[in-house]
Amino acid sequence: MSRVKRAVAGRKKRQTLVERTKGYYGTSSRTFRGMKEQAQHSGQYQYRMHGLKLAGVELDRKVLAEIAYSDEKAFADLANVAKKALADAE
């Protein structure tokens, strides 16, 4: 059986995550786990922030980054609130 080398594919996957989470604050944009959680609930940053503002949620980017890193379920809920507020505004 031939040997499979994954180094190139693995590096490409990590680089893609690095590019998608560029601009976030703190370790959430520097650790692989944090990057995965932020990229999961992405949408562009400005749209998410605008959606939260429309919904009346006042959190800054530092708090959002910490929530994304420490509590995945809460961050998913916030992302859904932002999406819903944006959809209602249209």
PDB file of N, CA and C in Angstrom:
ATOM      1  N   MET A   1       0.845  -1.172   0.000  1.00  0.00           N
ATOM      2  CA  MET A   1       0.000   0.000   0.000  1.00  0.00           C
ATOM      3  C   MET A   1       0.896   1.243   0.000  1.00  0.00           C
ATOM      4  N   SER A   2       0.514   2.230  -0.793  1.00  0.00           N
ATOM      5  CA  SER A   2       1.338   3.425  -0.890  1.00  0.00           C
ATOM      6  C   SER A   2       1.109   4.345   0.314  1.00  0.00           C
ATOM      7  N   ARG A   3       2.122   5.116   0.571  1.00  0.00           N
ATOM      8  CA  ARG A   3       2.088   6.018   1.717  1.00  0.00           C
ATOM      9  C   ARG A   3       1.429   7.343   1.305  1.00  0.00           C
ATOM     10  N   VAL A   4       0.579   7.855   2.182  1.00  0.00           N
ATOM     11  CA  VAL A   4      -0.106   9.112   1.897  1.00  0.00           C
ATOM     12  C   VAL A   4       0.559  10.213   2.718  1.00  0.00           C
ATOM     13  N   LYS A   5       0.932  11.270   2.039  1.00  0.00           N
ATOM     14  CA  LYS A   5       1.528  12.411   2.724  1.00  0.00           C
ATOM     15  C   LYS A   5       0.498  13.528   2.774  1.00  0.00           C
ATOM     16  N   ARG A   6       0.193  13.984   3.972  1.00  0.00           N
ATOM     17  CA  ARG A   6      -0.857  14.988   4.157  1.00  0.00           C
ATOM     18  C   ARG A   6      -0.320  16.375   4.474  1.00  0.00           C
ATOM     19  N   ALA A   7       0.941  16.546   4.538  1.00  0.00           N
ATOM     20  CA  ALA A   7       1.488  17.807   5.022  1.00  0.00           C
ATOM     21  C   ALA A   7       0.997  18.993   4.204  1.00  0.00           C
ATOM     22  N   VAL A   8       0.978  18.872   2.910  1.00  0.00           N
ATOM     23  CA  VAL A   8       0.576  19.990   2.069  1.00  0.00           C
ATOM     24  C   VAL A   8      -0.902  20.305   2.274  1.00  0.00           C
ATOM     25  N   ALA A   9      -1.737  19.287   2.311  1.00  0.00           N
ATOM     26  CA  ALA A   9      -3.173  19.499   2.492  1.00  0.00           C
ATOM     27  C   ALA A   9      -3.466  20.082   3.871  1.00  0.00           C
ATOM     28  N   GLY A  10      -2.786  19.587   4.890  1.00  0.00           N
ATOM     29  CA  GLY A  10      -2.995  20.095   6.243  1.00  0.00           C
ATOM     30  C   GLY A  10      -2.579  21.546   6.377  1.00  0.00           C
ATOM     31  N   ARG A  11      -1.456  21.886   5.784  1.00  0.00           N
ATOM     32  CA  ARG A  11      -0.987  23.270   5.846  1.00  0.00           C
ATOM     33  C   ARG A  11      -1.947  24.198   5.099  1.00  0.00           C
ATOM     34  N   LYS A  12      -2.453  23.748   3.963  1.00  0.00           N
ATOM     35  CA  LYS A  12      -3.394  24.562   3.198  1.00  0.00           C
ATOM     36  C   LYS A  12      -4.663  24.810   4.010  1.00  0.00           C
ATOM     37  N   LYS A  13      -5.131  23.798   4.713  1.00  0.00           N
ATOM     38  CA  LYS A  13      -6.329  23.930   5.539  1.00  0.00           C
ATOM     39  C   LYS A  13      -6.107  24.965   6.641  1.00  0.00           C
ATOM     40  N   ARG A  14      -4.960  24.899   7.292  1.00  0.00           N
ATOM     41  CA  ARG A  14      -4.662  25.860   8.365  1.00  0.00           C
ATOM     42  C   ARG A  14      -4.483  27.269   7.807  1.00  0.00           C
ATOM     43  N   GLN A  15      -3.830  27.400   6.660  1.00  0.00           N
ATOM     44  CA  GLN A  15      -3.634  28.718   6.047  1.00  0.00           C
ATOM     45  C   GLN A  15      -4.965  29.345   5.673  1.00  0.00           C
ATOM     46  N   THR A  16      -5.906  28.531   5.194  1.00  0.00           N
ATOM     47  CA  THR A  16      -7.227  29.041   4.851  1.00  0.00           C
ATOM     48  C   THR A  16      -7.910  29.598   6.087  1.00  0.00           C
ATOM     49  N   LEU A  17      -7.802  28.896   7.202  1.00  0.00           N
ATOM     50  CA  LEU A  17      -8.387  29.378   8.448  1.00  0.00           C
ATOM     51  C   LEU A  17      -7.712  30.661   8.916  1.00  0.00           C
ATOM     52  N   VAL A  18      -6.405  30.743   8.765  1.00  0.00           N
ATOM     53  CA  VAL A  18      -5.681  31.949   9.167  1.00  0.00           C
ATOM     54  C   VAL A  18      -6.178  33.138   8.360  1.00  0.00           C
ATOM     55  N   GLU A  19      -6.385  32.949   7.074  1.00  0.00           N
ATOM     56  CA  GLU A  19      -6.856  34.033   6.218  1.00  0.00           C
ATOM     57  C   GLU A  19      -8.282  34.439   6.571  1.00  0.00           C
ATOM     58  N   ARG A  20      -9.127  33.464   6.901  1.00  0.00           N
ATOM     59  CA  ARG A  20     -10.521  33.773   7.224  1.00  0.00           C
ATOM     60  C   ARG A  20     -10.669  34.481   8.560  1.00  0.00           C
ATOM     61  N   THR A  21      -9.741  34.265   9.489  1.00  0.00           N
ATOM     62  CA  THR A  21      -9.871  34.869  10.811  1.00  0.00           C
ATOM     63  C   THR A  21      -8.924  36.040  10.998  1.00  0.00           C
ATOM     64  N   LYS A  22      -8.343  36.532   9.944  1.00  0.00           N
ATOM     65  CA  LYS A  22      -7.441  37.667  10.039  1.00  0.00           C
ATOM     66  C   LYS A  22      -8.210  38.883  10.560  1.00  0.00           C
ATOM     67  N   GLY A  23      -7.620  39.592  11.490  1.00  0.00           N
ATOM     68  CA  GLY A  23      -8.244  40.791  12.017  1.00  0.00           C
ATOM     69  C   GLY A  23      -8.935  40.584  13.347  1.00  0.00           C
ATOM     70  N   TYR A  24      -9.113  39.339  13.773  1.00  0.00           N
ATOM     71  CA  TYR A  24      -9.707  39.117  15.079  1.00  0.00           C
ATOM     72  C   TYR A  24      -8.674  39.423  16.162  1.00  0.00           C
ATOM     73  N   TYR A  25      -9.132  39.585  17.372  1.00  0.00           N
ATOM     74  CA  TYR A  25      -8.297  40.028  18.472  1.00  0.00           C
ATOM     75  C   TYR A  25      -7.932  38.853  19.375  1.00  0.00           C
ATOM     76  N   GLY A  26      -6.700  38.824  19.857  1.00  0.00           N
ATOM     77  CA  GLY A  26      -6.291  37.877  20.888  1.00  0.00           C
ATOM     78  C   GLY A  26      -5.984  36.485  20.366  1.00  0.00           C
ATOM     79  N   THR A  27      -5.995  35.535  21.289  1.00  0.00           N
ATOM     80  CA  THR A  27      -5.601  34.181  20.936  1.00  0.00           C
ATOM     81  C   THR A  27      -6.629  33.490  20.059  1.00  0.00           C
ATOM     82  N   SER A  28      -7.819  34.053  19.958  1.00  0.00           N
ATOM     83  CA  SER A  28      -8.838  33.427  19.116  1.00  0.00           C
ATOM     84  C   SER A  28      -8.421  33.403  17.658  1.00  0.00           C
ATOM     85  N   SER A  29      -7.587  34.344  17.269  1.00  0.00           N
ATOM     86  CA  SER A  29      -7.135  34.346  15.885  1.00  0.00           C
ATOM     87  C   SER A  29      -5.780  33.684  15.724  1.00  0.00           C
ATOM     88  N   ARG A  30      -5.185  33.265  16.833  1.00  0.00           N
ATOM     89  CA  ARG A  30      -3.840  32.693  16.754  1.00  0.00           C
ATOM     90  C   ARG A  30      -3.784  31.200  17.059  1.00  0.00           C
ATOM     91  N   THR A  31      -4.779  30.678  17.757  1.00  0.00           N
ATOM     92  CA  THR A  31      -4.782  29.254  18.050  1.00  0.00           C
ATOM     93  C   THR A  31      -5.704  28.545  17.064  1.00  0.00           C
ATOM     94  N   PHE A  32      -5.352  27.344  16.721  1.00  0.00           N
ATOM     95  CA  PHE A  32      -6.117  26.610  15.720  1.00  0.00           C
ATOM     96  C   PHE A  32      -7.548  26.384  16.192  1.00  0.00           C
ATOM     97  N   ARG A  33      -7.733  26.066  17.469  1.00  0.00           N
ATOM     98  CA  ARG A  33      -9.074  25.834  18.005  1.00  0.00           C
ATOM     99  C   ARG A  33      -9.915  27.101  17.918  1.00  0.00           C
ATOM    100  N   GLY A  34      -9.327  28.217  18.309  1.00  0.00           N
ATOM    101  CA  GLY A  34     -10.044  29.484  18.256  1.00  0.00           C
ATOM    102  C   GLY A  34     -10.408  29.877  16.837  1.00  0.00           C
ATOM    103  N   MET A  35      -9.473  29.631  15.916  1.00  0.00           N
ATOM    104  CA  MET A  35      -9.737  29.952  14.516  1.00  0.00           C
ATOM    105  C   MET A  35     -10.889  29.118  13.969  1.00  0.00           C
ATOM    106  N   LYS A  36     -10.909  27.825  14.333  1.00  0.00           N
ATOM    107  CA  LYS A  36     -11.974  26.966  13.836  1.00  0.00           C
ATOM    108  C   LYS A  36     -13.328  27.441  14.325  1.00  0.00           C
ATOM    109  N   GLU A  37     -13.417  27.827  15.597  1.00  0.00           N
ATOM    110  CA  GLU A  37     -14.696  28.257  16.156  1.00  0.00           C
ATOM    111  C   GLU A  37     -15.158  29.556  15.528  1.00  0.00           C
ATOM    112  N   GLN A  38     -14.248  30.480  15.292  1.00  0.00           N
ATOM    113  CA  GLN A  38     -14.650  31.734  14.686  1.00  0.00           C
ATOM    114  C   GLN A  38     -15.045  31.553  13.234  1.00  0.00           C
ATOM    115  N   ALA A  39     -14.339  30.707  12.528  1.00  0.00           N
ATOM    116  CA  ALA A  39     -14.637  30.499  11.113  1.00  0.00           C
ATOM    117  C   ALA A  39     -15.953  29.744  10.931  1.00  0.00           C
ATOM    118  N   GLN A  40     -16.313  28.897  11.894  1.00  0.00           N
ATOM    119  CA  GLN A  40     -17.558  28.146  11.813  1.00  0.00           C
ATOM    120  C   GLN A  40     -18.753  29.065  11.733  1.00  0.00           C
ATOM    121  N   HIS A  41     -18.726  30.110  12.508  1.00  0.00           N
ATOM    122  CA  HIS A  41     -19.876  30.997  12.609  1.00  0.00           C
ATOM    123  C   HIS A  41     -19.605  32.289  11.876  1.00  0.00           C
ATOM    124  N   SER A  42     -18.827  32.196  10.804  1.00  0.00           N
ATOM    125  CA  SER A  42     -18.418  33.423  10.164  1.00  0.00           C
ATOM    126  C   SER A  42     -19.550  34.032   9.370  1.00  0.00           C
ATOM    127  N   GLY A  43     -19.332  34.608   8.389  1.00  0.00           N
ATOM    128  CA  GLY A  43     -20.035  35.681   7.776  1.00  0.00           C
ATOM    129  C   GLY A  43     -19.017  36.763   8.003  1.00  0.00           C
ATOM    130  N   GLN A  44     -19.082  37.791   7.270  1.00  0.00           N
ATOM    131  CA  GLN A  44     -18.054  38.792   7.454  1.00  0.00           C
ATOM    132  C   GLN A  44     -18.284  39.540   8.756  1.00  0.00           C
ATOM    133  N   TYR A  45     -17.203  39.997   9.325  1.00  0.00           N
ATOM    134  CA  TYR A  45     -17.223  40.635  10.632  1.00  0.00           C
ATOM    135  C   TYR A  45     -18.174  41.824  10.667  1.00  0.00           C
ATOM    136  N   GLN A  46     -18.094  42.699   9.652  1.00  0.00           N
ATOM    137  CA  GLN A  46     -18.908  43.911   9.706  1.00  0.00           C
ATOM    138  C   GLN A  46     -20.397  43.588   9.638  1.00  0.00           C
ATOM    139  N   TYR A  47     -20.791  42.535   8.928  1.00  0.00           N
ATOM    140  CA  TYR A  47     -22.196  42.159   8.868  1.00  0.00           C
ATOM    141  C   TYR A  47     -22.671  41.601  10.199  1.00  0.00           C
ATOM    142  N   ARG A  48     -21.814  40.823  10.840  1.00  0.00           N
ATOM    143  CA  ARG A  48     -22.173  40.273  12.142  1.00  0.00           C
ATOM    144  C   ARG A  48     -22.326  41.392  13.164  1.00  0.00           C
ATOM    145  N   MET A  49     -21.396  42.342  13.162  1.00  0.00           N
ATOM    146  CA  MET A  49     -21.473  43.459  14.105  1.00  0.00           C
ATOM    147  C   MET A  49     -22.709  44.312  13.816  1.00  0.00           C
ATOM    148  N   HIS A  50     -23.011  44.535  12.544  1.00  0.00           N
ATOM    149  CA  HIS A  50     -24.188  45.320  12.184  1.00  0.00           C
ATOM    150  C   HIS A  50     -25.456  44.604  12.627  1.00  0.00           C
ATOM    151  N   GLY A  51     -25.504  43.294  12.447  1.00  0.00           N
ATOM    152  CA  GLY A  51     -26.668  42.519  12.872  1.00  0.00           C
ATOM    153  C   GLY A  51     -26.866  42.573  14.374  1.00  0.00           C
ATOM    154  N   LEU A  52     -25.774  42.505  15.130  1.00  0.00           N
ATOM    155  CA  LEU A  52     -25.879  42.595  16.587  1.00  0.00           C
ATOM    156  C   LEU A  52     -26.351  43.981  17.011  1.00  0.00           C
ATOM    157  N   LYS A  53     -25.878  45.010  16.310  1.00  0.00           N
ATOM    158  CA  LYS A  53     -26.310  46.366  16.635  1.00  0.00           C
ATOM    159  C   LYS A  53     -27.804  46.542  16.350  1.00  0.00           C
ATOM    160  N   LEU A  54     -28.270  45.967  15.229  1.00  0.00           N
ATOM    161  CA  LEU A  54     -29.698  46.029  14.907  1.00  0.00           C
ATOM    162  C   LEU A  54     -30.536  45.296  15.946  1.00  0.00           C
ATOM    163  N   ALA A  55     -29.992  44.217  16.500  1.00  0.00           N
ATOM    164  CA  ALA A  55     -30.711  43.428  17.495  1.00  0.00           C
ATOM    165  C   ALA A  55     -30.643  44.053  18.889  1.00  0.00           C
ATOM    166  N   GLY A  56     -29.834  45.096  19.046  1.00  0.00           N
ATOM    167  CA  GLY A  56     -29.735  45.756  20.345  1.00  0.00           C
ATOM    168  C   GLY A  56     -28.719  45.124  21.271  1.00  0.00           C
ATOM    169  N   VAL A  57     -27.831  44.295  20.731  1.00  0.00           N
ATOM    170  CA  VAL A  57     -26.782  43.657  21.524  1.00  0.00           C
ATOM    171  C   VAL A  57     -25.533  44.516  21.433  1.00  0.00           C
ATOM    172  N   GLU A  58     -25.044  45.001  22.553  1.00  0.00           N
ATOM    173  CA  GLU A  58     -23.883  45.881  22.545  1.00  0.00           C
ATOM    174  C   GLU A  58     -22.670  45.158  23.130  1.00  0.00           C
ATOM    175  N   LEU A  59     -21.940  44.476  22.268  1.00  0.00           N
ATOM    176  CA  LEU A  59     -20.706  43.806  22.647  1.00  0.00           C
ATOM    177  C   LEU A  59     -19.604  44.282  21.722  1.00  0.00           C
ATOM    178  N   ASP A  60     -18.412  44.502  22.270  1.00  0.00           N
ATOM    179  CA  ASP A  60     -17.313  44.904  21.407  1.00  0.00           C
ATOM    180  C   ASP A  60     -16.583  43.669  20.892  1.00  0.00           C
ATOM    181  N   ARG A  61     -15.633  43.884  20.012  1.00  0.00           N
ATOM    182  CA  ARG A  61     -14.960  42.773  19.346  1.00  0.00           C
ATOM    183  C   ARG A  61     -14.138  41.933  20.301  1.00  0.00           C
ATOM    184  N   LYS A  62     -13.612  42.544  21.352  1.00  0.00           N
ATOM    185  CA  LYS A  62     -12.808  41.786  22.320  1.00  0.00           C
ATOM    186  C   LYS A  62     -13.675  40.772  23.059  1.00  0.00           C
ATOM    187  N   VAL A  63     -14.846  41.214  23.472  1.00  0.00           N
ATOM    188  CA  VAL A  63     -15.758  40.319  24.184  1.00  0.00           C
ATOM    189  C   VAL A  63     -16.244  39.215  23.250  1.00  0.00           C
ATOM    190  N   LEU A  64     -16.548  39.560  22.008  1.00  0.00           N
ATOM    191  CA  LEU A  64     -16.981  38.540  21.051  1.00  0.00           C
ATOM    192  C   LEU A  64     -15.897  37.502  20.800  1.00  0.00           C
ATOM    193  N   ALA A  65     -14.654  37.957  20.698  1.00  0.00           N
ATOM    194  CA  ALA A  65     -13.551  37.023  20.479  1.00  0.00           C
ATOM    195  C   ALA A  65     -13.406  36.079  21.665  1.00  0.00           C
ATOM    196  N   GLU A  66     -13.558  36.597  22.868  1.00  0.00           N
ATOM    197  CA  GLU A  66     -13.450  35.762  24.068  1.00  0.00           C
ATOM    198  C   GLU A  66     -14.603  34.761  24.138  1.00  0.00           C
ATOM    199  N   ILE A  67     -15.810  35.207  23.795  1.00  0.00           N
ATOM    200  CA  ILE A  67     -16.962  34.301  23.789  1.00  0.00           C
ATOM    201  C   ILE A  67     -16.765  33.204  22.747  1.00  0.00           C
ATOM    202  N   ALA A  68     -16.260  33.577  21.577  1.00  0.00           N
ATOM    203  CA  ALA A  68     -16.021  32.587  20.524  1.00  0.00           C
ATOM    204  C   ALA A  68     -15.016  31.546  20.970  1.00  0.00           C
ATOM    205  N   TYR A  69     -14.027  31.972  21.739  1.00  0.00           N
ATOM    206  CA  TYR A  69     -12.975  31.058  22.178  1.00  0.00           C
ATOM    207  C   TYR A  69     -13.438  30.168  23.324  1.00  0.00           C
ATOM    208  N   SER A  70     -14.188  30.750  24.265  1.00  0.00           N
ATOM    209  CA  SER A  70     -14.485  30.004  25.484  1.00  0.00           C
ATOM    210  C   SER A  70     -15.841  29.307  25.482  1.00  0.00           C
ATOM    211  N   ASP A  71     -16.844  29.858  24.799  1.00  0.00           N
ATOM    212  CA  ASP A  71     -18.186  29.282  24.841  1.00  0.00           C
ATOM    213  C   ASP A  71     -18.779  29.221  23.434  1.00  0.00           C
ATOM    214  N   GLU A  72     -18.592  28.097  22.791  1.00  0.00           N
ATOM    215  CA  GLU A  72     -19.001  27.942  21.387  1.00  0.00           C
ATOM    216  C   GLU A  72     -20.511  28.068  21.212  1.00  0.00           C
ATOM    217  N   LYS A  73     -21.282  27.537  22.143  1.00  0.00           N
ATOM    218  CA  LYS A  73     -22.737  27.577  22.020  1.00  0.00           C
ATOM    219  C   LYS A  73     -23.252  29.006  22.120  1.00  0.00           C
ATOM    220  N   ALA A  74     -22.720  29.780  23.041  1.00  0.00           N
ATOM    221  CA  ALA A  74     -23.156  31.170  23.190  1.00  0.00           C
ATOM    222  C   ALA A  74     -22.803  31.986  21.944  1.00  0.00           C
ATOM    223  N   PHE A  75     -21.641  31.727  21.366  1.00  0.00           N
ATOM    224  CA  PHE A  75     -21.238  32.445  20.160  1.00  0.00           C
ATOM    225  C   PHE A  75     -22.139  32.072  18.989  1.00  0.00           C
ATOM    226  N   ALA A  76     -22.519  30.805  18.901  1.00  0.00           N
ATOM    227  CA  ALA A  76     -23.439  30.374  17.848  1.00  0.00           C
ATOM    228  C   ALA A  76     -24.789  31.057  18.011  1.00  0.00           C
ATOM    229  N   ASP A  77     -25.247  31.179  19.258  1.00  0.00           N
ATOM    230  CA  ASP A  77     -26.514  31.865  19.504  1.00  0.00           C
ATOM    231  C   ASP A  77     -26.437  33.331  19.097  1.00  0.00           C
ATOM    232  N   LEU A  78     -25.324  33.993  19.418  1.00  0.00           N
ATOM    233  CA  LEU A  78     -25.147  35.390  19.022  1.00  0.00           C
ATOM    234  C   LEU A  78     -25.101  35.535  17.502  1.00  0.00           C
ATOM    235  N   ALA A  79     -24.446  34.598  16.834  1.00  0.00           N
ATOM    236  CA  ALA A  79     -24.392  34.639  15.373  1.00  0.00           C
ATOM    237  C   ALA A  79     -25.792  34.490  14.780  1.00  0.00           C
ATOM    238  N   ASN A  80     -26.601  33.626  15.372  1.00  0.00           N
ATOM    239  CA  ASN A  80     -27.970  33.445  14.887  1.00  0.00           C
ATOM    240  C   ASN A  80     -28.820  34.688  15.132  1.00  0.00           C
ATOM    241  N   VAL A  81     -28.602  35.344  16.273  1.00  0.00           N
ATOM    242  CA  VAL A  81     -29.333  36.588  16.566  1.00  0.00           C
ATOM    243  C   VAL A  81     -28.984  37.644  15.529  1.00  0.00           C
ATOM    244  N   ALA A  82     -27.700  37.751  15.194  1.00  0.00           N
ATOM    245  CA  ALA A  82     -27.258  38.735  14.207  1.00  0.00           C
ATOM    246  C   ALA A  82     -27.841  38.421  12.829  1.00  0.00           C
ATOM    247  N   LYS A  83     -27.831  37.149  12.429  1.00  0.00           N
ATOM    248  CA  LYS A  83     -28.387  36.760  11.137  1.00  0.00           C
ATOM    249  C   LYS A  83     -29.877  37.077  11.055  1.00  0.00           C
ATOM    250  N   LYS A  84     -30.592  36.784  12.143  1.00  0.00           N
ATOM    251  CA  LYS A  84     -32.023  37.036  12.171  1.00  0.00           C
ATOM    252  C   LYS A  84     -32.310  38.527  12.086  1.00  0.00           C
ATOM    253  N   ALA A  85     -31.558  39.342  12.813  1.00  0.00           N
ATOM    254  CA  ALA A  85     -31.765  40.782  12.785  1.00  0.00           C
ATOM    255  C   ALA A  85     -31.487  41.350  11.392  1.00  0.00           C
ATOM    256  N   LEU A  86     -30.457  40.841  10.729  1.00  0.00           N
ATOM    257  CA  LEU A  86     -30.167  41.288   9.372  1.00  0.00           C
ATOM    258  C   LEU A  86     -31.272  40.888   8.397  1.00  0.00           C
ATOM    259  N   ALA A  87     -31.779  39.669   8.573  1.00  0.00           N
ATOM    260  CA  ALA A  87     -32.858  39.204   7.689  1.00  0.00           C
ATOM    261  C   ALA A  87     -34.125  40.019   7.898  1.00  0.00           C
ATOM    262  N   ASP A  88     -34.435  40.378   9.147  1.00  0.00           N
ATOM    263  CA  ASP A  88     -35.616  41.162   9.446  1.00  0.00           C
ATOM    264  C   ASP A  88     -35.491  42.595   8.917  1.00  0.00           C
ATOM    265  N   ALA A  89     -34.271  43.103   8.875  1.00  0.00           N
ATOM    266  CA  ALA A  89     -34.049  44.477   8.425  1.00  0.00           C
ATOM    267  C   ALA A  89     -34.211  44.606   6.913  1.00  0.00           C
ATOM    268  N   GLU A  90     -34.031  43.523   6.192  1.00  0.00           N
ATOM    269  CA  GLU A  90     -34.120  43.581   4.716  1.00  0.00           C
ATOM    270  C   GLU A  90     -35.505  43.587   4.238  1.00  0.00           C
TER     271      GLU A  90
END
